[in-house]
């Protein structure tokens, strides 16, 4: 009887995951709101700049940086959503509304193992890093041919990395 009680309590303890799910979703919502305000502010800056006919020296870099920063936040929000959905499906229950009328599961957020959750999250994190890289590149000053060569090599390395990342999980 003690064993049955202990095992039942142990199995029920998985519901603590609800905290990570709920606060992961709250974090995602906050990131989406902040990123949306960043886009709104960037749009206001662009409109104000064109209405006043002032064209600051680094105008394009500032606009692109603002938008890329927002994309970065959106991607991190996506990581939080994937994390929340994945934890819920792994530890609590399948998400019934994610299935269509034929009972087939939407594979976008479906997670059936910790490895699958890790793979989905790691791919989005790599994209966050790539976006961050290009945001930094946009604010870098280049002082010669060697700097430009380093830029070209780093872009080629990112492209090769993304190519191999796209091949992960595809079995031919």
C-alpha atoms as a PDB file:
ATOM      1  CA  UNK A   1       0.000   0.000   0.000  1.00  0.00           C
ATOM      2  CA  UNK A   2       2.862   2.365   0.824  1.00  0.00           C
ATOM      3  CA  UNK A   3       4.494   1.506  -2.488  1.00  0.00           C
ATOM      4  CA  UNK A   4       1.259   2.235  -4.380  1.00  0.00           C
ATOM      5  CA  UNK A   5       0.865   5.597  -2.607  1.00  0.00           C
ATOM      6  CA  UNK A   6       4.490   6.509  -3.287  1.00  0.00           C
ATOM      7  CA  UNK A   7       4.289   5.575  -6.961  1.00  0.00           C
ATOM      8  CA  UNK A   8       1.016   7.455  -7.376  1.00  0.00           C
ATOM      9  CA  UNK A   9       2.544  10.535  -5.725  1.00  0.00           C
ATOM     10  CA  UNK A  10       5.673  10.218  -7.824  1.00  0.00           C
ATOM     11  CA  UNK A  11       3.641   9.969 -11.048  1.00  0.00           C
ATOM     12  CA  UNK A  12       1.481  12.945 -10.038  1.00  0.00           C
ATOM     13  CA  UNK A  13       4.568  15.058  -9.378  1.00  0.00           C
ATOM     14  CA  UNK A  14       4.997  15.404 -13.145  1.00  0.00           C
ATOM     15  CA  UNK A  15       2.307  18.106 -13.013  1.00  0.00           C
ATOM     16  CA  UNK A  16       4.943  20.489 -11.621  1.00  0.00           C
ATOM     17  CA  UNK A  17       5.852  20.847 -15.300  1.00  0.00           C
ATOM     18  CA  UNK A  18       2.729  23.015 -15.629  1.00  0.00           C
ATOM     19  CA  UNK A  19       4.745  25.852 -14.049  1.00  0.00           C
ATOM     20  CA  UNK A  20       7.351  25.670 -16.829  1.00  0.00           C
ATOM     21  CA  UNK A  21       4.614  25.434 -19.462  1.00  0.00           C
ATOM     22  CA  UNK A  22       2.614  28.407 -18.177  1.00  0.00           C
ATOM     23  CA  UNK A  23       5.590  30.666 -17.511  1.00  0.00           C
ATOM     24  CA  UNK A  24       7.202  29.626 -20.785  1.00  0.00           C
ATOM     25  CA  UNK A  25       4.068  30.818 -22.573  1.00  0.00           C
ATOM     26  CA  UNK A  26       4.036  34.022 -20.496  1.00  0.00           C
ATOM     27  CA  UNK A  27       7.661  34.586 -21.506  1.00  0.00           C
ATOM     28  CA  UNK A  28       6.801  33.996 -25.160  1.00  0.00           C
ATOM     29  CA  UNK A  29       3.915  36.467 -25.003  1.00  0.00           C
ATOM     30  CA  UNK A  30       6.157  39.077 -23.367  1.00  0.00           C
ATOM     31  CA  UNK A  31       8.814  38.585 -26.043  1.00  0.00           C
ATOM     32  CA  UNK A  32       6.224  38.959 -28.812  1.00  0.00           C
ATOM     33  CA  UNK A  33       4.870  42.146 -27.205  1.00  0.00           C
ATOM     34  CA  UNK A  34       8.334  43.673 -26.751  1.00  0.00           C
ATOM     35  CA  UNK A  35       9.358  42.756 -30.312  1.00  0.00           C
ATOM     36  CA  UNK A  36       6.122  44.235 -31.658  1.00  0.00           C
ATOM     37  CA  UNK A  37       6.777  47.496 -29.797  1.00  0.00           C
ATOM     38  CA  UNK A  38      10.301  47.524 -31.257  1.00  0.00           C
ATOM     39  CA  UNK A  39       8.873  47.209 -34.778  1.00  0.00           C
ATOM     40  CA  UNK A  40       6.297  49.907 -33.972  1.00  0.00           C
ATOM     41  CA  UNK A  41       9.033  52.261 -32.702  1.00  0.00           C
ATOM     42  CA  UNK A  42      11.186  51.546 -35.757  1.00  0.00           C
ATOM     43  CA  UNK A  43       8.232  52.289 -38.034  1.00  0.00           C
ATOM     44  CA  UNK A  44       7.623  55.549 -36.161  1.00  0.00           C
ATOM     45  CA  UNK A  45      11.304  56.456 -36.530  1.00  0.00           C
ATOM     46  CA  UNK A  46      11.179  55.779 -40.289  1.00  0.00           C
ATOM     47  CA  UNK A  47       7.997  57.783 -40.791  1.00  0.00           C
ATOM     48  CA  UNK A  48       9.294  60.677 -38.673  1.00  0.00           C
ATOM     49  CA  UNK A  49      12.600  60.672 -40.551  1.00  0.00           C
ATOM     50  CA  UNK A  50      10.915  60.839 -43.937  1.00  0.00           C
ATOM     51  CA  UNK A  51       8.379  63.465 -42.835  1.00  0.00           C
ATOM     52  CA  UNK A  52      11.129  65.771 -41.565  1.00  0.00           C
ATOM     53  CA  UNK A  53      13.256  65.101 -44.664  1.00  0.00           C
ATOM     54  CA  UNK A  54      16.172  64.382 -42.360  1.00  0.00           C
ATOM     55  CA  UNK A  55      18.294  61.450 -43.388  1.00  0.00           C
ATOM     56  CA  UNK A  56      20.728  60.509 -40.584  1.00  0.00           C
ATOM     57  CA  UNK A  57      24.110  59.119 -41.520  1.00  0.00           C
ATOM     58  CA  UNK A  58      23.423  55.548 -40.316  1.00  0.00           C
ATOM     59  CA  UNK A  59      19.684  55.533 -41.010  1.00  0.00           C
ATOM     60  CA  UNK A  60      19.536  52.227 -42.880  1.00  0.00           C
ATOM     61  CA  UNK A  61      21.711  50.433 -40.354  1.00  0.00           C
ATOM     62  CA  UNK A  62      19.484  51.651 -37.517  1.00  0.00           C
ATOM     63  CA  UNK A  63      16.299  50.551 -39.267  1.00  0.00           C
ATOM     64  CA  UNK A  64      17.670  47.145 -40.239  1.00  0.00           C
ATOM     65  CA  UNK A  65      19.125  46.725 -36.736  1.00  0.00           C
ATOM     66  CA  UNK A  66      15.755  47.508 -35.156  1.00  0.00           C
ATOM     67  CA  UNK A  67      13.925  45.046 -37.371  1.00  0.00           C
ATOM     68  CA  UNK A  68      16.534  42.306 -36.959  1.00  0.00           C
ATOM     69  CA  UNK A  69      16.437  42.839 -33.194  1.00  0.00           C
ATOM     70  CA  UNK A  70      12.675  42.311 -33.275  1.00  0.00           C
ATOM     71  CA  UNK A  71      13.063  39.161 -35.388  1.00  0.00           C
ATOM     72  CA  UNK A  72      15.554  37.925 -32.807  1.00  0.00           C
ATOM     73  CA  UNK A  73      13.013  38.419 -30.020  1.00  0.00           C
ATOM     74  CA  UNK A  74      10.270  36.752 -32.053  1.00  0.00           C
ATOM     75  CA  UNK A  75      12.508  33.725 -32.632  1.00  0.00           C
ATOM     76  CA  UNK A  76      13.286  33.452 -28.928  1.00  0.00           C
ATOM     77  CA  UNK A  77       9.527  33.641 -28.295  1.00  0.00           C
ATOM     78  CA  UNK A  78       9.098  30.751 -30.728  1.00  0.00           C
ATOM     79  CA  UNK A  79      11.683  28.783 -28.734  1.00  0.00           C
ATOM     80  CA  UNK A  80       9.625  29.394 -25.605  1.00  0.00           C
ATOM     81  CA  UNK A  81       6.432  28.216 -27.323  1.00  0.00           C
ATOM     82  CA  UNK A  82       8.086  25.066 -28.670  1.00  0.00           C
ATOM     83  CA  UNK A  83       9.534  24.449 -25.212  1.00  0.00           C
ATOM     84  CA  UNK A  84       6.145  24.885 -23.517  1.00  0.00           C
ATOM     85  CA  UNK A  85       4.224  22.738 -26.001  1.00  0.00           C
ATOM     86  CA  UNK A  86       6.916  20.070 -25.943  1.00  0.00           C
ATOM     87  CA  UNK A  87       7.036  19.825 -22.169  1.00  0.00           C
ATOM     88  CA  UNK A  88       3.267  19.656 -21.973  1.00  0.00           C
ATOM     89  CA  UNK A  89       3.027  16.886 -24.556  1.00  0.00           C
ATOM     90  CA  UNK A  90       5.898  14.916 -23.043  1.00  0.00           C
ATOM     91  CA  UNK A  91       4.883  15.078 -19.399  1.00  0.00           C
ATOM     92  CA  UNK A  92       1.177  15.899 -19.212  1.00  0.00           C
ATOM     93  CA  UNK A  93      -0.939  14.996 -22.239  1.00  0.00           C
ATOM     94  CA  UNK A  94      -1.268  15.253 -26.011  1.00  0.00           C
ATOM     95  CA  UNK A  95      -2.774  18.525 -27.159  1.00  0.00           C
ATOM     96  CA  UNK A  96      -6.079  17.476 -28.706  1.00  0.00           C
ATOM     97  CA  UNK A  97      -6.805  20.712 -30.636  1.00  0.00           C
ATOM     98  CA  UNK A  98      -3.494  20.192 -32.492  1.00  0.00           C
ATOM     99  CA  UNK A  99      -5.067  17.251 -34.321  1.00  0.00           C
ATOM    100  CA  UNK A 100      -7.194  17.683 -37.433  1.00  0.00           C
ATOM    101  CA  UNK A 101     -10.608  16.138 -37.988  1.00  0.00           C
ATOM    102  CA  UNK A 102      -8.969  12.882 -39.154  1.00  0.00           C
ATOM    103  CA  UNK A 103      -6.930  12.576 -35.962  1.00  0.00           C
ATOM    104  CA  UNK A 104      -3.651  13.392 -37.716  1.00  0.00           C
ATOM    105  CA  UNK A 105      -1.310  15.454 -35.581  1.00  0.00           C
ATOM    106  CA  UNK A 106       0.074  18.831 -36.666  1.00  0.00           C
ATOM    107  CA  UNK A 107       3.793  18.089 -36.901  1.00  0.00           C
ATOM    108  CA  UNK A 108       4.879  21.707 -36.452  1.00  0.00           C
ATOM    109  CA  UNK A 109       4.777  21.585 -32.657  1.00  0.00           C
ATOM    110  CA  UNK A 110       4.434  17.823 -32.108  1.00  0.00           C
ATOM    111  CA  UNK A 111       7.040  16.434 -29.743  1.00  0.00           C
ATOM    112  CA  UNK A 112       7.300  12.747 -28.921  1.00  0.00           C
ATOM    113  CA  UNK A 113      10.676  12.575 -27.150  1.00  0.00           C
ATOM    114  CA  UNK A 114      13.174  14.768 -25.339  1.00  0.00           C
ATOM    115  CA  UNK A 115      15.555  14.371 -28.287  1.00  0.00           C
ATOM    116  CA  UNK A 116      12.904  15.690 -30.663  1.00  0.00           C
ATOM    117  CA  UNK A 117      12.244  18.659 -28.342  1.00  0.00           C
ATOM    118  CA  UNK A 118      15.971  19.324 -28.105  1.00  0.00           C
ATOM    119  CA  UNK A 119      16.349  19.190 -31.902  1.00  0.00           C
ATOM    120  CA  UNK A 120      13.468  21.613 -32.517  1.00  0.00           C
ATOM    121  CA  UNK A 121      14.712  24.061 -29.902  1.00  0.00           C
ATOM    122  CA  UNK A 122      18.340  23.842 -31.024  1.00  0.00           C
ATOM    123  CA  UNK A 123      17.419  24.639 -34.643  1.00  0.00           C
ATOM    124  CA  UNK A 124      15.561  27.770 -33.579  1.00  0.00           C
ATOM    125  CA  UNK A 125      18.409  28.762 -31.251  1.00  0.00           C
ATOM    126  CA  UNK A 126      20.846  28.446 -34.160  1.00  0.00           C
ATOM    127  CA  UNK A 127      18.587  30.768 -36.153  1.00  0.00           C
ATOM    128  CA  UNK A 128      18.606  33.230 -33.231  1.00  0.00           C
ATOM    129  CA  UNK A 129      22.398  33.140 -33.283  1.00  0.00           C
ATOM    130  CA  UNK A 130      22.474  33.670 -37.056  1.00  0.00           C
ATOM    131  CA  UNK A 131      20.130  36.653 -36.760  1.00  0.00           C
ATOM    132  CA  UNK A 132      22.279  38.035 -33.928  1.00  0.00           C
ATOM    133  CA  UNK A 133      25.379  37.551 -36.068  1.00  0.00           C
ATOM    134  CA  UNK A 134      23.886  39.543 -38.935  1.00  0.00           C
ATOM    135  CA  UNK A 135      22.746  42.244 -36.533  1.00  0.00           C
ATOM    136  CA  UNK A 136      26.333  42.598 -35.279  1.00  0.00           C
ATOM    137  CA  UNK A 137      27.687  42.557 -38.846  1.00  0.00           C
ATOM    138  CA  UNK A 138      25.410  45.473 -39.712  1.00  0.00           C
ATOM    139  CA  UNK A 139      26.975  47.617 -36.967  1.00  0.00           C
ATOM    140  CA  UNK A 140      30.589  46.726 -37.711  1.00  0.00           C
ATOM    141  CA  UNK A 141      32.945  49.093 -39.498  1.00  0.00           C
ATOM    142  CA  UNK A 142      35.308  47.558 -42.023  1.00  0.00           C
ATOM    143  CA  UNK A 143      38.750  49.088 -42.359  1.00  0.00           C
ATOM    144  CA  UNK A 144      40.228  47.187 -45.241  1.00  0.00           C
ATOM    145  CA  UNK A 145      40.344  44.189 -47.504  1.00  0.00           C
ATOM    146  CA  UNK A 146      41.256  41.804 -44.681  1.00  0.00           C
ATOM    147  CA  UNK A 147      38.134  42.783 -42.717  1.00  0.00           C
ATOM    148  CA  UNK A 148      36.022  42.187 -45.817  1.00  0.00           C
ATOM    149  CA  UNK A 149      37.672  38.789 -46.310  1.00  0.00           C
ATOM    150  CA  UNK A 150      36.825  37.869 -42.711  1.00  0.00           C
ATOM    151  CA  UNK A 151      33.238  38.986 -43.325  1.00  0.00           C
ATOM    152  CA  UNK A 152      32.993  36.854 -46.470  1.00  0.00           C
ATOM    153  CA  UNK A 153      34.486  33.835 -44.691  1.00  0.00           C
ATOM    154  CA  UNK A 154      32.139  34.212 -41.746  1.00  0.00           C
ATOM    155  CA  UNK A 155      29.102  34.459 -44.043  1.00  0.00           C
ATOM    156  CA  UNK A 156      30.302  31.369 -45.925  1.00  0.00           C
ATOM    157  CA  UNK A 157      30.726  29.517 -42.608  1.00  0.00           C
ATOM    158  CA  UNK A 158      27.192  30.473 -41.560  1.00  0.00           C
ATOM    159  CA  UNK A 159      25.836  29.317 -44.924  1.00  0.00           C
ATOM    160  CA  UNK A 160      27.640  25.961 -44.672  1.00  0.00           C
ATOM    161  CA  UNK A 161      26.420  25.528 -41.105  1.00  0.00           C
ATOM    162  CA  UNK A 162      22.832  26.248 -42.130  1.00  0.00           C
ATOM    163  CA  UNK A 163      23.140  23.813 -45.028  1.00  0.00           C
ATOM    164  CA  UNK A 164      24.222  21.009 -42.706  1.00  0.00           C
ATOM    165  CA  UNK A 165      21.610  21.982 -40.129  1.00  0.00           C
ATOM    166  CA  UNK A 166      18.921  21.607 -42.791  1.00  0.00           C
ATOM    167  CA  UNK A 167      20.167  18.057 -43.434  1.00  0.00           C
ATOM    168  CA  UNK A 168      19.781  17.006 -39.770  1.00  0.00           C
ATOM    169  CA  UNK A 169      16.814  14.727 -39.309  1.00  0.00           C
ATOM    170  CA  UNK A 170      16.309  14.059 -43.038  1.00  0.00           C
ATOM    171  CA  UNK A 171      16.858  10.402 -43.813  1.00  0.00           C
ATOM    172  CA  UNK A 172      17.407   9.534 -47.465  1.00  0.00           C
END
